[in-house]
Amino acid sequence: MKLPLTGSAKPAPKDVSLEEETTVGNYFISNYPPYSFWTPDHLSEAHTALERPPAPGTALGVYLHIPFCRKRCHFCYFKVYTDKDASEIERYLDATIQELTLYSQKPFIGGRKPRFVYFGGGTPSYISSRQLSRLVNAMKRLLPWDEAEEITFECEPGTLTEGKLRVIQELGVTRLSLGIENFDDHVLEINGRAHDAKDIDRSYAFARSIGFPQINIDLIAGMIGETTNNWRECVRKTLLLAPDSVTIYQMEIPYNTTIFKEMRTDGKTVAPVADWRTKREWVSYAFSELEKASYSITSAYTAVKDPGRTRFLYRDLLWTGADMIGLGVASFSHVGGTHFQNESDFGPYITKLLQGMLPIYRALTPTQEERMIRELILQMKLGHVHRAYFQGKFGVDIQQRFAGSLSELQDRGFLALDENSLRLNRDGLLQVDRLLHGFFLPQHRNARYT
């Protein structure tokens, strides 16, 4: 189906600048330094990091990428496959178990057990209950989960049955994340989503009746065909569901999406989605409505019903320097201060593991200053940063080190400073990802992110 590249998104007002138009490129900042600086030349650094014992007190997590989907969404930029049969999926799952086997023998484990485990995708709920049970049981034998405080499992609503949800719960999942994105069948269809509104209602009701400790739903502001009325209806339906947490992303168009490919074919430079100002207005509306319903805004993307009971450990530990093993094709890892990524294609990933090798493709060991900047920009997404944390961990007074960048944010009305912390107001929080570039080192500015 050809994407509707014109006439389907809310037209940009005449006073919207080019900076506010949604053009191609990565908007969301998930790490630092940018991934484009990770290279195969640094592979030895990854292997060296794996041979060192862990720094005392460093938490460990595990991320497993399940790259299979019923359909590829037009905005998706992850490594996913829609053409793998059951035997290929089995081969892949065997490879991830072999990968964890190799990691479990390395000194960096140091007797630690994971504090969090995250099943991401792709679509983890795409695989069968039998495959899932076999995978998890093998993982637990290699690296026991008895001390894990959070087990997250991403789901596509159309892949869930009550039986599969019971299996997922029995495996110990504490945080079920439903990729709803939008509640309107037409919007879901033209964006390439595999599920529809009936799947949402059915799967959510199943999940709630079973009693998962936390149910999160994902929404995307700015999908193709989305309007203000549609967005407000999505917010209304979200409030009726009353999930434990809501994650809202603003639509970006990275280079490896179907949307960009059609833009390039048609000679378009502006994506057929809402401009950034409109997306911020929509998220602001959602946050305001959620706050009226007693939710708390805990990051630039997240609203939580009960912050005292509902946490997101995967985020909080990674943003404060935790180690994480990334299993699966194209997965990212952070070990002992070194960052690395696996082979990004199915064949090379499998082949390396069959040869008894870890499937690492590129790596980078940031400097102490770069590690400090990484934690600063990630924690700014929470809306507040504590000076004492950076003084104690890095010996840096961030208000002095970043005086120029912080002063600019103050002048623009986004930031307040006191003797203990930095705090972004709502306007600043809603566009934090584009403000973070002001804290990059000069060599990382204006560079391709991935």
Protein backbone atom coordinates (compact mmCIF):
# COMPACT_ATOMS: atom_id res chain seq x y z
CA MET A 1 0.00 0.00 0.00
CA LYS A 2 1.40 3.36 -0.98
CA LEU A 3 1.59 5.72 1.95
CA PRO A 4 -0.51 8.91 1.84
CA LEU A 5 2.33 11.40 1.71
CA THR A 6 0.08 14.41 1.32
CA GLY A 7 -3.13 15.56 2.87
CA SER A 8 -3.20 13.08 5.74
CA ALA A 9 -1.51 14.97 8.54
CA LYS A 10 -2.60 18.20 10.15
CA PRO A 11 -1.29 20.99 7.86
CA ALA A 12 1.47 23.03 9.41
CA PRO A 13 0.49 26.62 10.21
CA LYS A 14 2.11 29.19 7.95
CA ASP A 15 4.23 30.46 10.83
CA VAL A 16 5.79 27.05 11.50
CA SER A 17 9.49 27.28 10.76
CA LEU A 18 11.45 24.66 8.88
CA GLU A 19 12.95 23.65 12.23
CA GLU A 20 9.46 22.65 13.40
CA GLU A 21 8.68 20.52 10.34
CA THR A 22 9.17 16.78 10.75
CA THR A 23 12.06 15.93 8.46
CA VAL A 24 14.14 12.78 8.21
CA GLY A 25 16.59 11.88 10.95
CA ASN A 26 16.78 10.64 14.52
CA TYR A 27 15.14 12.92 17.06
CA PHE A 28 15.06 10.70 20.15
CA ILE A 29 18.38 10.62 22.06
CA SER A 30 18.91 7.25 23.72
CA ASN A 31 22.68 7.24 24.29
CA TYR A 32 25.88 9.24 24.10
CA PRO A 33 28.28 9.55 22.32
CA PRO A 34 26.20 9.07 19.14
CA TYR A 35 26.09 5.56 17.73
CA SER A 36 27.87 6.69 14.56
CA PHE A 37 31.06 6.94 16.63
CA TRP A 38 30.90 3.25 17.59
CA THR A 39 33.14 1.35 15.14
CA PRO A 40 34.56 -2.12 14.46
CA ASP A 41 38.02 -0.64 15.17
CA HIS A 42 37.12 -0.65 18.87
CA LEU A 43 36.02 -4.29 19.09
CA SER A 44 38.97 -5.26 21.28
CA GLU A 45 37.70 -2.81 23.92
CA ALA A 46 34.45 -4.78 24.22
CA HIS A 47 36.25 -8.07 24.71
CA THR A 48 38.59 -6.49 27.24
CA ALA A 49 35.63 -5.13 29.23
CA LEU A 50 34.05 -8.58 29.37
CA GLU A 51 37.22 -10.02 30.95
CA ARG A 52 37.23 -7.52 33.84
CA PRO A 53 35.30 -8.05 37.09
CA PRO A 54 32.43 -5.61 37.64
CA ALA A 55 32.83 -2.35 39.50
CA PRO A 56 31.45 -2.78 43.05
CA GLY A 57 27.77 -1.97 43.35
CA THR A 58 27.07 -1.90 39.61
CA ALA A 59 23.64 -3.28 38.72
CA LEU A 60 23.27 -5.81 35.90
CA GLY A 61 20.41 -6.09 33.43
CA VAL A 62 19.57 -8.25 30.41
CA TYR A 63 17.86 -7.09 27.21
CA LEU A 64 16.66 -9.67 24.67
CA HIS A 65 15.68 -8.52 21.19
CA ILE A 66 12.93 -10.62 19.58
CA PRO A 67 13.02 -9.25 16.01
CA PHE A 68 9.92 -10.92 14.57
CA CYS A 69 6.68 -9.17 13.61
CA ARG A 70 3.47 -9.91 11.72
CA LYS A 71 3.98 -6.68 9.72
CA ARG A 72 6.60 -3.96 9.55
CA CYS A 73 5.14 -0.62 10.65
CA HIS A 74 5.85 2.21 8.21
CA PHE A 75 7.55 4.26 10.94
CA CYS A 76 9.60 1.38 12.39
CA TYR A 77 13.39 1.76 12.40
CA PHE A 78 14.29 -1.32 14.45
CA LYS A 79 15.77 -4.50 13.03
CA VAL A 80 12.68 -6.67 12.45
CA TYR A 81 11.76 -9.60 10.20
CA THR A 82 8.32 -10.53 8.86
CA ASP A 83 9.46 -13.44 6.67
CA LYS A 84 10.94 -15.98 9.11
CA ASP A 85 9.32 -19.40 9.49
CA ALA A 86 9.13 -21.50 12.67
CA SER A 87 12.45 -23.27 12.04
CA GLU A 88 14.31 -19.97 11.53
CA ILE A 89 12.78 -18.54 14.69
CA GLU A 90 13.88 -21.65 16.62
CA ARG A 91 17.39 -21.24 15.21
CA TYR A 92 17.45 -17.62 16.33
CA LEU A 93 16.26 -18.42 19.84
CA ASP A 94 18.90 -21.14 20.10
CA ALA A 95 21.50 -18.56 19.08
CA THR A 96 20.41 -16.13 21.81
CA ILE A 97 20.73 -18.90 24.38
CA GLN A 98 24.22 -19.66 23.08
CA GLU A 99 25.06 -15.95 23.32
CA LEU A 100 23.94 -15.83 26.97
CA THR A 101 25.94 -19.02 27.61
CA LEU A 102 29.11 -17.29 26.41
CA TYR A 103 28.40 -14.19 28.50
CA SER A 104 27.64 -16.23 31.62
CA GLN A 105 31.21 -17.54 31.57
CA LYS A 106 32.83 -14.10 31.49
CA PRO A 107 34.43 -12.38 34.51
CA PHE A 108 32.25 -9.25 34.16
CA ILE A 109 29.29 -11.25 35.51
CA GLY A 110 31.18 -11.51 38.81
CA GLY A 111 28.51 -13.58 40.54
CA ARG A 112 25.85 -10.94 39.84
CA LYS A 113 22.25 -11.73 39.01
CA PRO A 114 20.14 -9.41 36.85
CA ARG A 115 18.08 -6.73 38.56
CA PHE A 116 16.00 -6.28 35.42
CA VAL A 117 15.22 -8.28 32.28
CA TYR A 118 13.64 -6.67 29.23
CA PHE A 119 12.07 -8.50 26.28
CA GLY A 120 11.93 -5.97 23.43
CA GLY A 121 11.21 -6.09 19.75
CA GLY A 122 10.13 -6.50 17.15
CA THR A 123 7.32 -8.31 18.86
CA PRO A 124 8.24 -10.62 21.76
CA SER A 125 4.61 -11.77 21.95
CA TYR A 126 4.87 -12.98 18.32
CA ILE A 127 6.67 -16.19 19.31
CA SER A 128 4.63 -19.16 20.54
CA SER A 129 4.03 -19.99 24.18
CA ARG A 130 6.13 -23.13 23.78
CA GLN A 131 9.03 -21.20 22.27
CA LEU A 132 8.78 -18.55 24.97
CA SER A 133 8.77 -21.08 27.82
CA ARG A 134 11.77 -22.94 26.38
CA LEU A 135 13.69 -19.69 25.91
CA VAL A 136 13.03 -18.35 29.38
CA ASN A 137 13.78 -21.63 31.14
CA ALA A 138 17.14 -21.83 29.37
CA MET A 139 17.94 -18.21 30.26
CA LYS A 140 17.10 -18.75 33.93
CA ARG A 141 19.39 -21.77 34.13
CA LEU A 142 22.29 -19.68 32.84
CA LEU A 143 21.63 -16.47 34.78
CA PRO A 144 19.01 -16.90 37.53
CA TRP A 145 16.31 -14.24 37.84
CA ASP A 146 15.40 -14.81 41.48
CA GLU A 147 16.73 -11.35 42.40
CA ALA A 148 15.24 -9.50 39.42
CA GLU A 149 12.97 -6.66 40.51
CA GLU A 150 11.49 -5.98 37.06
CA ILE A 151 10.75 -8.22 34.08
CA THR A 152 9.34 -6.23 31.14
CA PHE A 153 7.65 -7.84 28.14
CA GLU A 154 6.57 -5.86 25.05
CA CYS A 155 3.42 -7.02 23.27
CA GLU A 156 1.49 -6.31 20.09
CA PRO A 157 -2.21 -6.58 21.01
CA GLY A 158 -3.15 -8.77 18.04
CA THR A 159 -0.69 -11.51 19.04
CA LEU A 160 -2.14 -12.07 22.51
CA THR A 161 -4.54 -14.71 23.71
CA GLU A 162 -5.59 -15.36 27.27
CA GLY A 163 -3.51 -18.55 27.22
CA LYS A 164 -0.35 -16.77 26.05
CA LEU A 165 -0.83 -14.02 28.61
CA ARG A 166 -1.04 -16.63 31.35
CA VAL A 167 2.22 -18.15 30.15
CA ILE A 168 3.86 -14.72 30.10
CA GLN A 169 2.69 -14.10 33.67
CA GLU A 170 3.85 -17.54 34.86
CA LEU A 171 7.33 -16.76 33.53
CA GLY A 172 7.56 -13.93 36.05
CA VAL A 173 6.77 -10.85 33.93
CA THR A 174 6.03 -7.88 36.19
CA ARG A 175 5.65 -5.13 33.59
CA LEU A 176 3.52 -5.82 30.51
CA SER A 177 3.88 -3.13 27.84
CA LEU A 178 1.17 -2.99 25.16
CA GLY A 179 2.11 -1.26 21.91
CA ILE A 180 -1.29 0.33 21.24
CA GLU A 181 0.04 3.52 19.55
CA ASN A 182 -3.45 4.66 18.46
CA PHE A 183 -7.04 3.48 18.96
CA ASP A 184 -8.37 4.32 15.48
CA ASP A 185 -8.53 1.49 12.92
CA HIS A 186 -7.86 3.77 9.95
CA VAL A 187 -4.82 5.40 11.55
CA LEU A 188 -3.47 2.00 12.58
CA GLU A 189 -3.95 0.59 9.08
CA ILE A 190 -2.29 3.40 7.12
CA ASN A 191 0.69 3.33 9.49
CA GLY A 192 1.18 -0.39 8.91
CA ARG A 193 0.16 -1.63 12.34
CA ALA A 194 -0.95 -5.27 12.45
CA HIS A 195 -3.60 -4.91 15.18
CA ASP A 196 -6.93 -3.10 15.28
CA ALA A 197 -9.15 -1.56 17.95
CA LYS A 198 -10.89 -4.86 18.77
CA ASP A 199 -7.51 -6.45 19.51
CA ILE A 200 -6.73 -3.61 21.94
CA ASP A 201 -9.93 -4.04 23.93
CA ARG A 202 -9.67 -7.82 24.03
CA SER A 203 -5.98 -8.08 24.97
CA TYR A 204 -6.15 -5.34 27.60
CA ALA A 205 -9.17 -6.94 29.25
CA PHE A 206 -7.35 -10.30 29.32
CA ALA A 207 -4.21 -8.75 30.80
CA ARG A 208 -6.11 -6.82 33.46
CA SER A 209 -8.19 -9.84 34.49
CA ILE A 210 -5.05 -11.91 35.04
CA GLY A 211 -3.55 -9.29 37.34
CA PHE A 212 -0.13 -8.21 36.08
CA PRO A 213 1.59 -5.94 38.64
CA GLN A 214 2.06 -3.22 36.01
CA ILE A 215 0.43 -2.68 32.63
CA ASN A 216 1.91 0.05 30.46
CA ILE A 217 0.47 1.25 27.18
CA ASP A 218 2.42 3.01 24.43
CA LEU A 219 0.99 5.83 22.33
CA ILE A 220 2.58 7.77 19.45
CA ALA A 221 1.71 11.41 18.84
CA GLY A 222 1.89 12.38 15.18
CA MET A 223 1.16 9.20 13.23
CA ILE A 224 0.13 9.48 9.59
CA GLY A 225 -3.52 10.53 9.40
CA GLU A 226 -3.71 11.68 13.00
CA THR A 227 -5.75 14.77 13.84
CA THR A 228 -6.38 16.74 17.01
CA ASN A 229 -9.80 15.13 17.39
CA ASN A 230 -8.35 11.68 16.92
CA TRP A 231 -5.60 12.36 19.47
CA ARG A 232 -8.08 13.60 22.06
CA GLU A 233 -10.15 10.47 21.55
CA CYS A 234 -7.02 8.35 22.10
CA VAL A 235 -6.41 10.18 25.37
CA ARG A 236 -10.04 9.65 26.42
CA LYS A 237 -9.83 5.92 25.73
CA THR A 238 -6.53 5.68 27.57
CA LEU A 239 -8.12 7.21 30.65
CA LEU A 240 -10.99 4.70 30.43
CA LEU A 241 -8.49 1.83 30.43
CA ALA A 242 -6.67 3.36 33.44
CA PRO A 243 -3.32 1.64 32.84
CA ASP A 244 -0.66 1.76 35.53
CA SER A 245 1.57 3.81 33.23
CA VAL A 246 1.43 5.46 29.82
CA THR A 247 4.40 6.04 27.53
CA ILE A 248 3.97 8.66 24.78
CA TYR A 249 6.46 9.17 21.97
CA GLN A 250 6.47 11.92 19.38
CA MET A 251 6.74 10.51 15.86
CA GLU A 252 10.20 10.70 14.31
CA ILE A 253 11.22 9.53 10.82
CA PRO A 254 14.68 7.89 10.85
CA TYR A 255 16.38 7.01 7.58
CA ASN A 256 15.58 3.29 7.55
CA THR A 257 11.78 3.66 7.69
CA THR A 258 9.28 2.92 4.95
CA ILE A 259 8.02 6.48 5.27
CA PHE A 260 11.44 7.90 4.44
CA LYS A 261 11.87 5.55 1.49
CA GLU A 262 8.64 6.83 -0.05
CA MET A 263 9.56 10.44 0.76
CA ARG A 264 12.84 9.96 -1.10
CA THR A 265 11.10 8.32 -4.08
CA ASP A 266 8.59 11.19 -4.29
CA GLY A 267 11.20 13.90 -3.72
CA LYS A 268 9.66 14.97 -0.41
CA THR A 269 11.71 16.55 2.39
CA VAL A 270 8.91 16.99 4.95
CA ALA A 271 7.28 13.87 6.39
CA PRO A 272 3.49 13.34 6.11
CA VAL A 273 3.01 13.70 9.86
CA ALA A 274 2.30 16.55 12.26
CA ASP A 275 5.02 19.15 12.83
CA TRP A 276 6.92 19.17 16.12
CA ARG A 277 4.97 22.05 17.61
CA THR A 278 1.70 20.21 17.04
CA LYS A 279 3.09 17.00 18.49
CA ARG A 280 4.23 18.86 21.60
CA GLU A 281 0.76 20.39 21.95
CA TRP A 282 -0.81 16.95 21.71
CA VAL A 283 1.51 15.43 24.33
CA SER A 284 0.97 18.45 26.57
CA TYR A 285 -2.78 17.91 26.30
CA ALA A 286 -2.38 14.21 27.15
CA PHE A 287 -0.18 14.96 30.16
CA SER A 288 -2.66 17.56 31.43
CA GLU A 289 -5.60 15.16 31.12
CA LEU A 290 -3.62 12.39 32.81
CA GLU A 291 -2.67 14.72 35.65
CA LYS A 292 -6.36 15.56 36.14
CA ALA A 293 -6.86 11.81 36.61
CA SER A 294 -4.14 11.79 39.33
CA TYR A 295 -1.29 10.50 37.17
CA SER A 296 2.22 11.91 37.75
CA ILE A 297 4.50 12.90 34.87
CA THR A 298 7.79 11.12 35.60
CA SER A 299 9.72 11.80 32.39
CA ALA A 300 9.41 13.46 28.99
CA TYR A 301 7.47 10.40 27.81
CA THR A 302 5.89 8.79 30.87
CA ALA A 303 2.84 9.23 33.08
CA VAL A 304 2.42 6.96 36.10
CA LYS A 305 -0.69 6.36 38.16
CA ASP A 306 1.10 5.54 41.41
CA PRO A 307 4.81 6.49 41.47
CA GLY A 308 5.21 4.92 44.90
CA ARG A 309 4.29 1.51 43.51
CA THR A 310 5.08 1.75 39.80
CA ARG A 311 8.71 2.06 38.73
CA PHE A 312 10.62 1.70 35.47
CA LEU A 313 13.83 0.10 36.68
CA TYR A 314 15.20 -0.58 33.19
CA ARG A 315 15.25 3.16 32.48
CA ASP A 316 16.40 4.33 35.88
CA LEU A 317 19.32 1.90 36.18
CA LEU A 318 20.53 2.39 32.60
CA TRP A 319 20.45 6.17 33.02
CA THR A 320 22.70 5.88 36.08
CA GLY A 321 25.37 3.67 34.53
CA ALA A 322 24.18 0.08 34.99
CA ASP A 323 25.73 -2.76 33.03
CA MET A 324 23.44 -4.43 30.50
CA ILE A 325 23.87 -7.47 28.27
CA GLY A 326 22.05 -7.00 24.96
CA LEU A 327 21.16 -10.36 23.41
CA GLY A 328 20.04 -10.81 19.82
CA VAL A 329 20.56 -9.27 16.42
CA ALA A 330 21.56 -5.56 16.47
CA SER A 331 21.26 -5.39 20.29
CA PHE A 332 23.22 -2.85 22.33
CA SER A 333 25.24 -3.58 25.47
CA HIS A 334 26.94 -1.50 28.16
CA VAL A 335 29.63 -3.28 30.16
CA GLY A 336 32.21 -1.73 32.46
CA GLY A 337 31.97 1.65 30.74
CA THR A 338 32.28 0.22 27.21
CA HIS A 339 29.39 0.32 24.73
CA PHE A 340 28.96 -2.22 21.95
CA GLN A 341 26.44 -3.48 19.42
CA ASN A 342 25.83 -6.90 17.88
CA GLU A 343 25.83 -7.80 14.20
CA SER A 344 22.80 -6.13 12.65
CA ASP A 345 21.80 -8.89 10.22
CA PHE A 346 20.33 -12.32 10.86
CA GLY A 347 22.93 -14.36 8.96
CA PRO A 348 26.15 -12.91 10.42
CA TYR A 349 24.65 -12.95 13.91
CA ILE A 350 23.83 -16.66 13.71
CA THR A 351 27.10 -17.57 11.97
CA LYS A 352 29.34 -16.01 14.62
CA LEU A 353 27.55 -17.86 17.40
CA LEU A 354 27.74 -21.16 15.53
CA GLN A 355 31.50 -20.55 15.41
CA GLY A 356 31.56 -20.08 19.19
CA MET A 357 32.16 -16.32 18.95
CA LEU A 358 30.26 -13.45 20.48
CA PRO A 359 28.42 -11.60 17.65
CA ILE A 360 29.77 -8.13 18.49
CA TYR A 361 30.10 -5.79 15.51
CA ARG A 362 31.14 -2.34 16.79
CA ALA A 363 32.13 -0.72 20.07
CA LEU A 364 33.30 2.42 21.84
CA THR A 365 34.71 3.18 25.28
CA PRO A 366 33.64 6.70 26.22
CA THR A 367 35.95 8.91 28.22
CA GLN A 368 35.08 9.82 31.79
CA GLU A 369 33.75 13.16 30.54
CA GLU A 370 31.62 11.48 27.89
CA ARG A 371 30.17 9.09 30.49
CA MET A 372 29.28 12.06 32.66
CA ILE A 373 27.58 13.82 29.72
CA ARG A 374 25.69 10.62 28.86
CA GLU A 375 24.19 10.37 32.32
CA LEU A 376 23.43 14.10 32.42
CA ILE A 377 21.50 14.21 29.16
CA LEU A 378 19.59 11.00 29.91
CA GLN A 379 18.63 12.16 33.40
CA MET A 380 17.48 15.51 32.01
CA LYS A 381 14.68 13.54 30.35
CA LEU A 382 13.30 13.03 33.86
CA GLY A 383 12.84 16.79 34.10
CA HIS A 384 15.23 17.23 37.01
CA VAL A 385 18.91 16.59 37.68
CA HIS A 386 20.61 16.64 41.09
CA ARG A 387 23.97 18.41 41.30
CA ALA A 388 25.17 16.27 44.21
CA TYR A 389 24.89 13.07 42.13
CA PHE A 390 27.36 14.35 39.52
CA GLN A 391 29.63 15.93 42.11
CA GLY A 392 29.82 12.65 44.02
CA LYS A 393 30.17 10.29 41.06
CA PHE A 394 32.24 12.35 38.62
CA GLY A 395 33.66 15.17 40.73
CA VAL A 396 31.95 17.70 38.45
CA ASP A 397 29.81 20.70 39.32
CA ILE A 398 27.46 20.54 36.36
CA GLN A 399 26.24 24.11 36.87
CA GLN A 400 29.77 25.38 36.37
CA ARG A 401 30.78 22.88 33.69
CA PHE A 402 27.71 23.63 31.54
CA ALA A 403 27.12 27.24 32.55
CA GLY A 404 26.72 28.46 28.96
CA SER A 405 24.24 25.77 27.88
CA LEU A 406 22.23 26.08 31.09
CA SER A 407 22.13 29.86 30.82
CA GLU A 408 20.74 29.57 27.29
CA LEU A 409 17.98 27.24 28.48
CA GLN A 410 17.17 29.67 31.28
CA ASP A 411 17.00 32.57 28.85
CA ARG A 412 14.63 30.60 26.64
CA GLY A 413 12.37 29.96 29.63
CA PHE A 414 12.85 26.18 29.75
CA LEU A 415 14.98 25.72 32.87
CA ALA A 416 15.15 26.75 36.53
CA LEU A 417 18.28 26.38 38.66
CA ASP A 418 18.75 26.29 42.41
CA GLU A 419 21.66 25.29 44.61
CA ASN A 420 20.66 21.62 44.50
CA SER A 421 19.19 20.85 41.09
CA LEU A 422 18.29 21.70 37.51
CA ARG A 423 14.60 21.55 36.61
CA LEU A 424 12.96 21.70 33.20
CA ASN A 425 9.48 23.15 32.99
CA ARG A 426 6.79 21.43 30.90
CA ASP A 427 7.71 23.31 27.70
CA GLY A 428 11.33 22.28 28.10
CA LEU A 429 10.49 18.69 28.96
CA LEU A 430 8.30 18.27 25.89
CA GLN A 431 11.22 19.13 23.57
CA VAL A 432 14.09 17.90 25.71
CA ASP A 433 15.58 15.67 22.99
CA ARG A 434 16.40 18.57 20.72
CA LEU A 435 17.69 20.67 23.63
CA LEU A 436 20.20 17.98 24.66
CA HIS A 437 22.50 18.66 21.71
CA GLY A 438 23.65 21.79 23.53
CA PHE A 439 25.46 19.54 26.02
CA PHE A 440 27.29 17.47 23.38
CA LEU A 441 31.02 17.91 22.96
CA PRO A 442 31.91 19.86 19.79
CA GLN A 443 33.04 16.77 17.87
CA HIS A 444 29.64 15.12 18.37
CA ARG A 445 27.46 18.03 17.28
CA ASN A 446 26.00 18.01 13.77
CA ALA A 447 27.12 14.39 13.32
CA ARG A 448 24.77 11.67 12.13
CA TYR A 449 23.30 10.07 15.25
CA THR A 450 23.32 6.45 14.10
